[in-house]
Amino acid sequence: MLEVAAEHGFLSTFLIPAHASEKGRIGALYLGSSTKREEGEPKLREGRAFFRALALELLDWSSRAVREDAIRKCGLSQQDVQLIGFVRSGFNAGAIADELKVSSTTVYRQFQRINEKIGVSHITAAVRFAEENDIFAQQ
């Protein structure tokens, strides 16, 4: 990779990893400069704090896009996300029904609708889908 970068004028390089997700979503910001390595890389290192913040911001933007795309494609409502969140926290249908002041039958019906929207057969699979798509991340 460094050889290809050098062929395109990048003589100095700096790689900044970013990790900000519970499920291991990572990103990397790769910077290059036409300044010779001996001069350019120390200069790039000086901006490390800024570049790290930029890498995290870009990862957050990307994760938000994944989350919004998954919610939109499946047609999940905020209530759907809330119910999946209850299951993720260890609530069963009865406990969710008590929390929301509805019947267990209503909760099971909502589980079925969520499963259909996502294309899974069990609500725990919907939880996995939500985790994999950062749906529980702060918005």
N, C-alpha and C. Protein backbone atom coordinates (compact mmCIF):
# COMPACT_ATOMS: atom_id res chain seq x y z
N MET A 1 0.83 -1.18 0.00
CA MET A 1 0.00 0.00 0.00
C MET A 1 0.88 1.25 0.00
N LEU A 2 1.97 1.21 0.77
CA LEU A 2 2.85 2.37 0.83
C LEU A 2 3.49 2.64 -0.52
N GLU A 3 3.82 1.58 -1.26
CA GLU A 3 4.42 1.75 -2.59
C GLU A 3 3.44 2.45 -3.53
N VAL A 4 2.19 2.01 -3.51
CA VAL A 4 1.17 2.62 -4.38
C VAL A 4 0.97 4.08 -3.98
N ALA A 5 0.93 4.35 -2.68
CA ALA A 5 0.77 5.73 -2.21
C ALA A 5 1.94 6.58 -2.71
N ALA A 6 3.15 6.04 -2.62
CA ALA A 6 4.34 6.78 -3.08
C ALA A 6 4.28 7.06 -4.57
N GLU A 7 3.75 6.11 -5.34
CA GLU A 7 3.60 6.30 -6.79
C GLU A 7 2.68 7.47 -7.10
N HIS A 8 1.78 7.77 -6.18
CA HIS A 8 0.82 8.87 -6.37
C HIS A 8 1.21 10.12 -5.60
N GLY A 9 2.46 10.19 -5.17
CA GLY A 9 2.96 11.41 -4.56
C GLY A 9 2.89 11.47 -3.04
N PHE A 10 2.42 10.42 -2.40
CA PHE A 10 2.35 10.42 -0.94
C PHE A 10 3.65 9.86 -0.38
N LEU A 11 4.53 10.74 0.04
CA LEU A 11 5.83 10.32 0.56
C LEU A 11 5.79 10.15 2.08
N SER A 12 4.93 10.88 2.73
CA SER A 12 4.73 10.77 4.18
C SER A 12 3.33 10.22 4.41
N THR A 13 3.21 9.30 5.35
CA THR A 13 1.89 8.73 5.63
C THR A 13 1.67 8.64 7.13
N PHE A 14 0.40 8.61 7.50
CA PHE A 14 0.03 8.49 8.91
C PHE A 14 -1.33 7.80 8.95
N LEU A 15 -1.44 6.75 9.75
CA LEU A 15 -2.67 5.98 9.88
C LEU A 15 -3.23 6.16 11.29
N ILE A 16 -4.50 6.56 11.36
CA ILE A 16 -5.15 6.79 12.64
C ILE A 16 -6.34 5.84 12.76
N PRO A 17 -6.26 4.83 13.65
CA PRO A 17 -7.39 3.93 13.85
C PRO A 17 -8.46 4.60 14.72
N ALA A 18 -9.70 4.19 14.52
CA ALA A 18 -10.80 4.72 15.34
C ALA A 18 -11.72 3.56 15.70
N HIS A 19 -12.11 3.50 16.95
CA HIS A 19 -13.02 2.46 17.43
C HIS A 19 -14.00 3.12 18.39
N ALA A 20 -15.30 2.98 18.10
CA ALA A 20 -16.26 3.65 18.97
C ALA A 20 -17.57 2.89 19.12
N SER A 21 -17.59 1.63 18.77
CA SER A 21 -18.84 0.89 18.78
C SER A 21 -18.75 -0.33 19.67
N GLU A 22 -19.84 -0.64 20.34
CA GLU A 22 -19.89 -1.84 21.19
C GLU A 22 -19.66 -3.11 20.38
N LYS A 23 -20.09 -3.14 19.15
CA LYS A 23 -19.98 -4.35 18.33
C LYS A 23 -18.71 -4.38 17.50
N GLY A 24 -17.75 -3.54 17.81
CA GLY A 24 -16.46 -3.62 17.16
C GLY A 24 -16.34 -2.90 15.84
N ARG A 25 -17.25 -1.99 15.55
CA ARG A 25 -17.12 -1.23 14.31
C ARG A 25 -15.88 -0.35 14.42
N ILE A 26 -15.02 -0.45 13.43
CA ILE A 26 -13.78 0.32 13.45
C ILE A 26 -13.64 1.12 12.16
N GLY A 27 -12.77 2.08 12.20
CA GLY A 27 -12.47 2.87 11.02
C GLY A 27 -11.00 3.24 11.04
N ALA A 28 -10.54 3.74 9.94
CA ALA A 28 -9.14 4.18 9.86
C ALA A 28 -9.07 5.40 8.96
N LEU A 29 -8.36 6.39 9.43
CA LEU A 29 -8.11 7.58 8.64
C LEU A 29 -6.66 7.49 8.17
N TYR A 30 -6.48 7.48 6.88
CA TYR A 30 -5.15 7.34 6.29
C TYR A 30 -4.78 8.68 5.68
N LEU A 31 -3.72 9.29 6.19
CA LEU A 31 -3.29 10.60 5.71
C LEU A 31 -1.99 10.46 4.94
N GLY A 32 -1.84 11.30 3.94
CA GLY A 32 -0.61 11.30 3.17
C GLY A 32 -0.20 12.71 2.81
N SER A 33 1.09 12.88 2.57
CA SER A 33 1.64 14.18 2.23
C SER A 33 2.75 13.99 1.21
N SER A 34 2.95 15.01 0.39
CA SER A 34 4.02 14.95 -0.61
C SER A 34 5.37 15.35 -0.01
N THR A 35 5.37 15.72 1.26
CA THR A 35 6.62 16.07 1.95
C THR A 35 7.41 14.79 2.24
N LYS A 36 8.73 14.87 2.15
CA LYS A 36 9.57 13.70 2.42
C LYS A 36 9.25 13.14 3.80
N ARG A 37 9.38 11.83 3.91
CA ARG A 37 9.01 11.11 5.12
C ARG A 37 9.65 11.70 6.39
N GLU A 38 10.93 12.00 6.33
CA GLU A 38 11.65 12.49 7.51
C GLU A 38 11.06 13.79 8.04
N GLU A 39 10.53 14.62 7.16
CA GLU A 39 9.94 15.90 7.56
C GLU A 39 8.43 15.79 7.75
N GLY A 40 7.79 15.07 6.84
CA GLY A 40 6.33 15.04 6.80
C GLY A 40 5.68 14.25 7.92
N GLU A 41 6.24 13.09 8.24
CA GLU A 41 5.59 12.26 9.26
C GLU A 41 5.62 12.90 10.65
N PRO A 42 6.72 13.54 11.08
CA PRO A 42 6.65 14.25 12.37
C PRO A 42 5.59 15.36 12.37
N LYS A 43 5.44 16.05 11.25
CA LYS A 43 4.41 17.09 11.17
C LYS A 43 3.02 16.48 11.28
N LEU A 44 2.81 15.35 10.61
CA LEU A 44 1.51 14.68 10.70
C LEU A 44 1.26 14.22 12.14
N ARG A 45 2.29 13.71 12.81
CA ARG A 45 2.14 13.26 14.20
C ARG A 45 1.76 14.42 15.13
N GLU A 46 2.21 15.62 14.82
CA GLU A 46 1.87 16.78 15.64
C GLU A 46 0.36 17.01 15.69
N GLY A 47 -0.31 16.68 14.61
CA GLY A 47 -1.76 16.87 14.55
C GLY A 47 -2.54 15.65 15.00
N ARG A 48 -1.89 14.74 15.70
CA ARG A 48 -2.51 13.46 16.08
C ARG A 48 -3.85 13.64 16.80
N ALA A 49 -3.91 14.52 17.77
CA ALA A 49 -5.16 14.71 18.53
C ALA A 49 -6.29 15.17 17.61
N PHE A 50 -6.00 16.11 16.75
CA PHE A 50 -7.02 16.59 15.80
C PHE A 50 -7.43 15.46 14.85
N PHE A 51 -6.45 14.74 14.32
CA PHE A 51 -6.76 13.67 13.36
C PHE A 51 -7.55 12.54 14.03
N ARG A 52 -7.24 12.25 15.29
CA ARG A 52 -8.00 11.23 16.02
C ARG A 52 -9.45 11.68 16.17
N ALA A 53 -9.66 12.93 16.54
CA ALA A 53 -11.02 13.46 16.66
C ALA A 53 -11.74 13.39 15.31
N LEU A 54 -11.03 13.73 14.24
CA LEU A 54 -11.62 13.66 12.91
C LEU A 54 -11.98 12.22 12.55
N ALA A 55 -11.09 11.28 12.85
CA ALA A 55 -11.35 9.86 12.55
C ALA A 55 -12.59 9.38 13.31
N LEU A 56 -12.72 9.76 14.58
CA LEU A 56 -13.89 9.37 15.36
C LEU A 56 -15.16 10.01 14.82
N GLU A 57 -15.07 11.25 14.40
CA GLU A 57 -16.23 11.94 13.83
C GLU A 57 -16.67 11.26 12.53
N LEU A 58 -15.72 10.89 11.70
CA LEU A 58 -16.04 10.19 10.45
C LEU A 58 -16.65 8.82 10.74
N LEU A 59 -16.13 8.12 11.75
CA LEU A 59 -16.69 6.82 12.12
C LEU A 59 -18.11 6.99 12.65
N ASP A 60 -18.33 8.02 13.45
CA ASP A 60 -19.67 8.29 13.97
C ASP A 60 -20.63 8.60 12.83
N TRP A 61 -20.19 9.39 11.88
CA TRP A 61 -21.02 9.72 10.71
C TRP A 61 -21.37 8.45 9.94
N SER A 62 -20.39 7.60 9.73
CA SER A 62 -20.61 6.35 9.00
C SER A 62 -21.57 5.43 9.77
N SER A 63 -21.36 5.30 11.07
CA SER A 63 -22.24 4.46 11.89
C SER A 63 -23.66 4.99 11.90
N ARG A 64 -23.79 6.31 11.97
CA ARG A 64 -25.13 6.92 11.94
C ARG A 64 -25.82 6.62 10.61
N ALA A 65 -25.07 6.66 9.52
CA ALA A 65 -25.64 6.35 8.20
C ALA A 65 -26.10 4.89 8.15
N VAL A 66 -25.30 3.98 8.70
CA VAL A 66 -25.67 2.56 8.74
C VAL A 66 -26.96 2.40 9.55
N ARG A 67 -27.01 3.04 10.72
CA ARG A 67 -28.18 2.96 11.60
C ARG A 67 -29.43 3.50 10.91
N GLU A 68 -29.32 4.70 10.35
CA GLU A 68 -30.49 5.31 9.70
C GLU A 68 -30.95 4.51 8.50
N ASP A 69 -30.01 3.95 7.75
CA ASP A 69 -30.35 3.14 6.58
C ASP A 69 -31.09 1.87 7.01
N ALA A 70 -30.61 1.21 8.06
CA ALA A 70 -31.26 -0.01 8.54
C ALA A 70 -32.67 0.28 9.05
N ILE A 71 -32.82 1.36 9.80
CA ILE A 71 -34.14 1.73 10.32
C ILE A 71 -35.09 2.05 9.18
N ARG A 72 -34.60 2.80 8.20
CA ARG A 72 -35.44 3.18 7.06
C ARG A 72 -35.82 1.97 6.22
N LYS A 73 -34.85 1.13 5.88
CA LYS A 73 -35.13 -0.03 5.02
C LYS A 73 -36.12 -0.99 5.65
N CYS A 74 -36.04 -1.14 6.97
CA CYS A 74 -36.94 -2.07 7.66
C CYS A 74 -38.25 -1.40 8.07
N GLY A 75 -38.29 -0.09 8.05
CA GLY A 75 -39.49 0.62 8.47
C GLY A 75 -39.73 0.53 9.97
N LEU A 76 -38.65 0.52 10.74
CA LEU A 76 -38.79 0.43 12.19
C LEU A 76 -39.22 1.77 12.78
N SER A 77 -40.16 1.72 13.70
CA SER A 77 -40.59 2.92 14.41
C SER A 77 -39.77 3.05 15.70
N GLN A 78 -39.88 4.20 16.34
CA GLN A 78 -39.21 4.39 17.63
C GLN A 78 -39.73 3.38 18.65
N GLN A 79 -41.03 3.07 18.57
CA GLN A 79 -41.60 2.08 19.49
C GLN A 79 -40.99 0.71 19.24
N ASP A 80 -40.77 0.36 17.97
CA ASP A 80 -40.12 -0.91 17.64
C ASP A 80 -38.73 -0.97 18.27
N VAL A 81 -37.98 0.10 18.11
CA VAL A 81 -36.62 0.17 18.66
C VAL A 81 -36.67 0.07 20.19
N GLN A 82 -37.65 0.72 20.79
CA GLN A 82 -37.81 0.65 22.24
C GLN A 82 -38.07 -0.79 22.69
N LEU A 83 -38.96 -1.50 22.00
CA LEU A 83 -39.27 -2.88 22.36
C LEU A 83 -38.04 -3.78 22.21
N ILE A 84 -37.32 -3.62 21.12
CA ILE A 84 -36.11 -4.41 20.91
C ILE A 84 -35.11 -4.10 22.03
N GLY A 85 -35.05 -2.84 22.43
CA GLY A 85 -34.16 -2.44 23.52
C GLY A 85 -34.54 -3.10 24.84
N PHE A 86 -35.84 -3.21 25.11
CA PHE A 86 -36.28 -3.91 26.32
C PHE A 86 -35.80 -5.36 26.30
N VAL A 87 -35.96 -6.03 25.17
CA VAL A 87 -35.52 -7.43 25.05
C VAL A 87 -34.01 -7.51 25.27
N ARG A 88 -33.29 -6.60 24.68
CA ARG A 88 -31.83 -6.57 24.83
C ARG A 88 -31.43 -6.41 26.30
N SER A 89 -32.24 -5.67 27.05
CA SER A 89 -31.96 -5.44 28.48
C SER A 89 -32.40 -6.59 29.36
N GLY A 90 -32.97 -7.64 28.76
CA GLY A 90 -33.36 -8.82 29.53
C GLY A 90 -34.82 -8.91 29.91
N PHE A 91 -35.63 -7.97 29.43
CA PHE A 91 -37.06 -8.02 29.72
C PHE A 91 -37.70 -9.13 28.88
N ASN A 92 -38.66 -9.85 29.48
CA ASN A 92 -39.47 -10.78 28.70
C ASN A 92 -40.77 -10.07 28.32
N ALA A 93 -41.62 -10.75 27.56
CA ALA A 93 -42.85 -10.11 27.08
C ALA A 93 -43.73 -9.63 28.23
N GLY A 94 -43.82 -10.43 29.29
CA GLY A 94 -44.64 -10.04 30.44
C GLY A 94 -44.12 -8.78 31.11
N ALA A 95 -42.82 -8.70 31.29
CA ALA A 95 -42.22 -7.51 31.92
C ALA A 95 -42.39 -6.28 31.04
N ILE A 96 -42.26 -6.47 29.73
CA ILE A 96 -42.46 -5.35 28.80
C ILE A 96 -43.91 -4.89 28.86
N ALA A 97 -44.84 -5.85 28.89
CA ALA A 97 -46.26 -5.52 28.98
C ALA A 97 -46.55 -4.71 30.24
N ASP A 98 -45.97 -5.14 31.36
CA ASP A 98 -46.16 -4.40 32.62
C ASP A 98 -45.59 -2.98 32.50
N GLU A 99 -44.42 -2.87 31.92
CA GLU A 99 -43.75 -1.57 31.77
C GLU A 99 -44.58 -0.61 30.91
N LEU A 100 -45.16 -1.15 29.83
CA LEU A 100 -45.90 -0.31 28.88
C LEU A 100 -47.40 -0.26 29.18
N LYS A 101 -47.83 -0.99 30.20
CA LYS A 101 -49.25 -1.03 30.59
C LYS A 101 -50.13 -1.54 29.43
N VAL A 102 -49.68 -2.63 28.80
CA VAL A 102 -50.45 -3.31 27.75
C VAL A 102 -50.44 -4.80 28.07
N SER A 103 -51.17 -5.57 27.29
CA SER A 103 -51.21 -7.01 27.53
C SER A 103 -50.00 -7.71 26.90
N SER A 104 -49.68 -8.89 27.41
CA SER A 104 -48.60 -9.69 26.82
C SER A 104 -48.91 -10.03 25.37
N THR A 105 -50.19 -10.26 25.08
CA THR A 105 -50.60 -10.56 23.71
C THR A 105 -50.23 -9.42 22.77
N THR A 106 -50.45 -8.20 23.23
CA THR A 106 -50.09 -7.02 22.43
C THR A 106 -48.58 -6.99 22.17
N VAL A 107 -47.80 -7.29 23.19
CA VAL A 107 -46.34 -7.29 23.04
C VAL A 107 -45.93 -8.38 22.05
N TYR A 108 -46.50 -9.58 22.17
CA TYR A 108 -46.15 -10.66 21.23
C TYR A 108 -46.52 -10.28 19.80
N ARG A 109 -47.65 -9.61 19.62
CA ARG A 109 -48.04 -9.16 18.28
C ARG A 109 -47.02 -8.16 17.73
N GLN A 110 -46.59 -7.26 18.60
CA GLN A 110 -45.58 -6.28 18.17
C GLN A 110 -44.26 -6.98 17.84
N PHE A 111 -43.89 -8.01 18.62
CA PHE A 111 -42.70 -8.79 18.30
C PHE A 111 -42.81 -9.39 16.90
N GLN A 112 -43.98 -9.96 16.60
CA GLN A 112 -44.19 -10.57 15.27
C GLN A 112 -44.03 -9.54 14.16
N ARG A 113 -44.60 -8.36 14.35
CA ARG A 113 -44.48 -7.30 13.33
C ARG A 113 -43.02 -6.88 13.15
N ILE A 114 -42.31 -6.74 14.25
CA ILE A 114 -40.89 -6.37 14.18
C ILE A 114 -40.11 -7.45 13.43
N ASN A 115 -40.36 -8.71 13.78
CA ASN A 115 -39.68 -9.82 13.10
C ASN A 115 -39.95 -9.80 11.60
N GLU A 116 -41.18 -9.54 11.22
CA GLU A 116 -41.54 -9.46 9.79
C GLU A 116 -40.81 -8.31 9.10
N LYS A 117 -40.76 -7.16 9.76
CA LYS A 117 -40.09 -5.99 9.18
C LYS A 117 -38.61 -6.28 8.92
N ILE A 118 -37.97 -6.94 9.88
CA ILE A 118 -36.54 -7.20 9.78
C ILE A 118 -36.24 -8.44 8.95
N GLY A 119 -37.21 -9.37 8.91
CA GLY A 119 -37.01 -10.61 8.16
C GLY A 119 -36.33 -11.69 8.98
N VAL A 120 -36.68 -11.76 10.25
CA VAL A 120 -36.14 -12.78 11.14
C VAL A 120 -37.29 -13.57 11.75
N SER A 121 -36.96 -14.69 12.41
CA SER A 121 -38.02 -15.53 12.95
C SER A 121 -38.19 -15.40 14.47
N HIS A 122 -37.27 -14.73 15.14
CA HIS A 122 -37.37 -14.60 16.59
C HIS A 122 -36.88 -13.22 17.03
N ILE A 123 -37.45 -12.72 18.09
CA ILE A 123 -37.12 -11.37 18.55
C ILE A 123 -35.65 -11.25 18.95
N THR A 124 -35.03 -12.34 19.42
CA THR A 124 -33.60 -12.26 19.76
C THR A 124 -32.76 -12.04 18.51
N ALA A 125 -33.21 -12.54 17.37
CA ALA A 125 -32.52 -12.27 16.10
C ALA A 125 -32.68 -10.80 15.73
N ALA A 126 -33.82 -10.21 16.07
CA ALA A 126 -34.03 -8.78 15.83
C ALA A 126 -33.07 -7.96 16.70
N VAL A 127 -32.83 -8.42 17.91
CA VAL A 127 -31.86 -7.74 18.79
C VAL A 127 -30.47 -7.79 18.16
N ARG A 128 -30.07 -8.97 17.67
CA ARG A 128 -28.75 -9.09 17.01
C ARG A 128 -28.65 -8.15 15.82
N PHE A 129 -29.72 -8.10 15.01
CA PHE A 129 -29.75 -7.20 13.85
C PHE A 129 -29.55 -5.75 14.30
N ALA A 130 -30.27 -5.37 15.34
CA ALA A 130 -30.17 -4.00 15.84
C ALA A 130 -28.77 -3.69 16.35
N GLU A 131 -28.16 -4.64 17.04
CA GLU A 131 -26.79 -4.43 17.53
C GLU A 131 -25.81 -4.31 16.38
N GLU A 132 -25.94 -5.18 15.39
CA GLU A 132 -25.02 -5.17 14.25
C GLU A 132 -25.13 -3.89 13.43
N ASN A 133 -26.28 -3.25 13.48
CA ASN A 133 -26.51 -2.03 12.71
C ASN A 133 -26.49 -0.77 13.58
N ASP A 134 -25.94 -0.88 14.77
CA ASP A 134 -25.78 0.26 15.68
C ASP A 134 -27.09 0.99 15.99
N ILE A 135 -28.19 0.28 15.96
CA ILE A 135 -29.48 0.93 16.17
C ILE A 135 -29.62 1.44 17.60
N PHE A 136 -28.90 0.84 18.54
CA PHE A 136 -28.98 1.29 19.93
C PHE A 136 -28.03 2.43 20.25
N ALA A 137 -27.17 2.78 19.32
CA ALA A 137 -26.23 3.88 19.56
C ALA A 137 -27.00 5.17 19.77
N GLN A 138 -26.44 6.06 20.57
CA GLN A 138 -27.11 7.34 20.81
C GLN A 138 -27.25 8.11 19.51
N GLN A 139 -28.41 8.69 19.34
CA GLN A 139 -28.69 9.37 18.07
C GLN A 139 -28.49 10.85 18.17
